[in-house]
Amino acid sequence: MAEDLDDFEPPFEPLDVPATAVDVVKKYCQNPMNGRLEWLQAIVTKSDLGQGCDMDEDMEDYVDEMDTNPMDEPAMIIHKSLGGKGDKHWNVFPEGKTFDREVYNNEVESTVYHGVNDSNGSATITIRFKFKNPTTSKAYKVCYRVELPNGDIIENDLLNA
C-alpha cells in the first residue's frame, strides 16, 4: 500500500495541461531543476475510453535520454485505452524491469476502464513518482491512487528499479 496520504499530494504547484491538448491528464508536476515528471492527475470519463494514442518516436527518444538502465523501456502512464496520449511528455516514463505491469494494468487500466464504461461517472487517477535523490530522473517507485465512479479507492505503490 502507499505510504501515506502525502504520496498523492503534488510536490509543488502543478501545471495545468493546456485545454487545447484535449487530454485525460489535467495537471502534472515537472521538476523545474531537472525536468523529471514527479506527479500527475488524470480524470477519465466514458467519452475518453479508446481515444488515446500510442507512444510516438519523439517520446521514446525523450524517455531514452533520461538516466535509465539498458533494460528500461519507455512506457505510458495513462494507457491509450483510457484516453492517454503517448505523444505528451507528461504521460511517459522509464519503466524498470521490476515494475509489475500486470498489477498496474489490473488495478488501474482495467478497473478504471470497466468502472467508467459501466457508469456515467468519472475516475480520478493520481500518480506520484518517488526518487532516491534530487538529481536522478528515473523514479524507483510509482505510487498511485484510483478513485472510481462508485466511490471505491485503490491505492498501491510499485517498485520501478
Protein backbone atom coordinates (compact mmCIF):
# COMPACT_ATOMS: atom_id res chain seq x y z
CA MET A 1 0.00 0.00 0.00
CA ALA A 2 1.03 3.57 -0.49
CA GLU A 3 2.97 5.04 2.41
CA ASP A 4 0.59 7.85 3.40
CA LEU A 5 -1.84 10.41 2.05
CA ASP A 6 1.02 12.81 1.21
CA ASP A 7 2.04 10.35 -1.51
CA PHE A 8 -0.77 11.76 -3.60
CA GLU A 9 -0.31 15.47 -2.97
CA PRO A 10 1.58 17.40 -5.64
CA PRO A 11 5.17 18.10 -4.52
CA PHE A 12 4.83 21.69 -5.75
CA GLU A 13 2.32 23.82 -7.67
CA PRO A 14 1.05 21.64 -10.55
CA LEU A 15 0.93 22.81 -14.14
CA ASP A 16 -2.37 22.62 -15.99
CA VAL A 17 -2.39 20.67 -19.23
CA PRO A 18 -3.35 23.19 -21.93
CA ALA A 19 -7.05 22.95 -22.80
CA THR A 20 -6.06 22.69 -26.47
CA ALA A 21 -4.29 19.39 -25.69
CA VAL A 22 -7.64 17.58 -25.09
CA ASP A 23 -6.14 15.04 -22.71
CA VAL A 24 -7.29 12.99 -19.73
CA VAL A 25 -4.22 14.21 -17.85
CA LYS A 26 -5.34 17.52 -16.36
CA LYS A 27 -2.43 18.52 -14.10
CA TYR A 28 1.20 17.50 -13.67
CA CYS A 29 4.33 18.49 -11.77
CA GLN A 30 7.58 18.60 -13.67
CA ASN A 31 10.65 19.46 -11.59
CA PRO A 32 11.95 22.85 -12.77
CA MET A 33 15.55 21.91 -11.88
CA ASN A 34 15.92 18.70 -13.90
CA GLY A 35 12.68 18.31 -15.86
CA ARG A 36 11.66 15.00 -14.32
CA LEU A 37 7.95 14.22 -14.01
CA GLU A 38 7.04 13.88 -10.32
CA TRP A 39 3.22 13.84 -10.18
CA LEU A 40 0.17 13.80 -12.40
CA GLN A 41 -3.58 13.65 -12.16
CA ALA A 42 -5.95 12.35 -14.82
CA ILE A 43 -9.74 12.34 -14.98
CA VAL A 44 -11.23 9.64 -17.19
CA THR A 45 -14.81 9.73 -18.48
CA LYS A 46 -16.70 7.33 -20.72
CA SER A 47 -16.13 9.58 -23.75
CA ASP A 48 -12.34 9.29 -23.21
CA LEU A 49 -12.25 5.50 -23.45
CA GLY A 50 -10.33 4.31 -26.51
CA GLN A 51 -9.47 7.87 -27.57
CA GLY A 52 -5.75 7.81 -26.71
CA CYS A 53 -2.77 7.19 -28.96
CA ASP A 54 0.39 5.08 -28.85
CA MET A 55 3.72 6.48 -27.77
CA ASP A 56 5.49 8.17 -30.66
CA GLU A 57 9.20 8.10 -31.54
CA ASP A 58 9.84 11.56 -30.12
CA MET A 59 8.57 10.49 -26.70
CA GLU A 60 10.51 7.21 -26.84
CA ASP A 61 13.66 9.25 -27.51
CA TYR A 62 12.71 11.66 -24.71
CA VAL A 63 12.49 8.78 -22.21
CA ASP A 64 15.64 7.10 -23.53
CA GLU A 65 17.61 10.30 -22.85
CA MET A 66 16.85 10.02 -19.11
CA ASP A 67 19.27 8.28 -16.74
CA THR A 68 17.88 4.83 -17.33
CA ASN A 69 19.19 1.28 -17.25
CA PRO A 70 19.66 -0.63 -20.53
CA MET A 71 16.73 -2.92 -19.59
CA ASP A 72 14.30 0.01 -19.05
CA GLU A 73 11.52 0.60 -21.54
CA PRO A 74 9.70 3.81 -22.43
CA ALA A 75 6.12 3.42 -21.18
CA MET A 76 2.89 5.35 -20.96
CA ILE A 77 1.48 6.24 -17.55
CA ILE A 78 -2.18 6.53 -18.58
CA HIS A 79 -2.85 3.92 -21.25
CA LYS A 80 -4.40 4.83 -24.59
CA SER A 81 -7.46 2.68 -23.75
CA LEU A 82 -8.24 5.28 -21.04
CA GLY A 83 -7.59 8.21 -23.37
CA GLY A 84 -3.89 8.64 -22.55
CA LYS A 85 -1.74 10.29 -25.19
CA GLY A 86 1.64 8.77 -26.00
CA ASP A 87 2.85 11.94 -27.68
CA LYS A 88 2.88 14.07 -24.50
CA HIS A 89 5.87 14.38 -22.17
CA TRP A 90 3.56 14.40 -19.15
CA ASN A 91 2.38 10.86 -19.90
CA VAL A 92 5.60 8.87 -20.37
CA PHE A 93 8.23 7.45 -18.02
CA PRO A 94 11.10 4.94 -17.97
CA GLU A 95 9.60 1.62 -16.85
CA GLY A 96 12.14 -0.54 -14.99
CA LYS A 97 12.36 -4.30 -15.22
CA THR A 98 10.93 -4.68 -11.68
CA PHE A 99 7.79 -2.65 -12.43
CA ASP A 100 4.83 -5.03 -12.16
CA ARG A 101 2.91 -4.01 -15.27
CA GLU A 102 0.37 -6.81 -14.72
CA VAL A 103 -0.67 -5.43 -11.32
CA TYR A 104 -0.75 -1.88 -12.69
CA ASN A 105 -2.83 -2.92 -15.70
CA ASN A 106 -5.31 -4.73 -13.45
CA GLU A 107 -5.61 -2.12 -10.70
CA VAL A 108 -5.50 0.97 -12.88
CA GLU A 109 -6.25 0.36 -16.55
CA SER A 110 -8.77 -2.49 -16.39
CA THR A 111 -10.52 -1.33 -13.22
CA VAL A 112 -10.88 2.25 -14.45
CA TYR A 113 -11.98 1.18 -17.93
CA HIS A 114 -14.76 -1.07 -16.64
CA GLY A 115 -15.74 1.25 -13.78
CA VAL A 116 -16.16 4.22 -16.12
CA ASN A 117 -17.67 2.22 -19.00
CA ASP A 118 -20.35 0.79 -16.71
CA SER A 119 -21.35 4.19 -15.30
CA ASN A 120 -21.88 7.79 -16.29
CA GLY A 121 -19.26 8.94 -13.80
CA SER A 122 -15.56 9.64 -13.94
CA ALA A 123 -12.47 8.13 -12.36
CA THR A 124 -9.57 10.14 -10.99
CA ILE A 125 -6.07 8.69 -11.25
CA THR A 126 -3.28 10.31 -9.25
CA ILE A 127 0.31 9.19 -9.79
CA ARG A 128 3.28 10.20 -7.62
CA PHE A 129 6.81 9.20 -8.58
CA LYS A 130 9.36 8.67 -5.79
CA PHE A 131 13.07 9.24 -6.37
CA LYS A 132 16.16 8.11 -4.45
CA ASN A 133 17.84 11.50 -4.75
CA PRO A 134 17.17 15.02 -6.08
CA THR A 135 19.11 14.60 -9.32
CA THR A 136 18.01 11.28 -10.81
CA SER A 137 15.30 11.39 -13.46
CA LYS A 138 14.11 7.78 -13.08
CA ALA A 139 11.71 7.03 -10.24
CA TYR A 140 12.42 3.98 -8.09
CA LYS A 141 8.76 3.79 -7.02
CA VAL A 142 5.42 4.58 -8.65
CA CYS A 143 2.58 5.35 -6.20
CA TYR A 144 -0.98 5.52 -7.48
CA ARG A 145 -4.44 6.29 -6.19
CA VAL A 146 -7.53 5.47 -8.24
CA GLU A 147 -10.91 6.93 -7.28
CA LEU A 148 -13.65 5.03 -9.11
CA PRO A 149 -17.12 6.34 -10.02
CA ASN A 150 -18.74 4.10 -7.37
CA GLY A 151 -16.58 5.64 -4.61
CA ASP A 152 -14.12 2.77 -4.29
CA ILE A 153 -10.48 3.76 -3.89
CA ILE A 154 -7.44 1.71 -4.88
CA GLU A 155 -4.00 2.71 -3.60
CA ASN A 156 -0.71 0.96 -4.23
CA ASP A 157 2.93 1.55 -4.93
CA LEU A 158 5.17 -0.47 -7.21
CA LEU A 159 8.94 -0.66 -7.39
CA ASN A 160 10.47 0.59 -10.62
CA ALA A 161 14.13 -0.47 -10.50
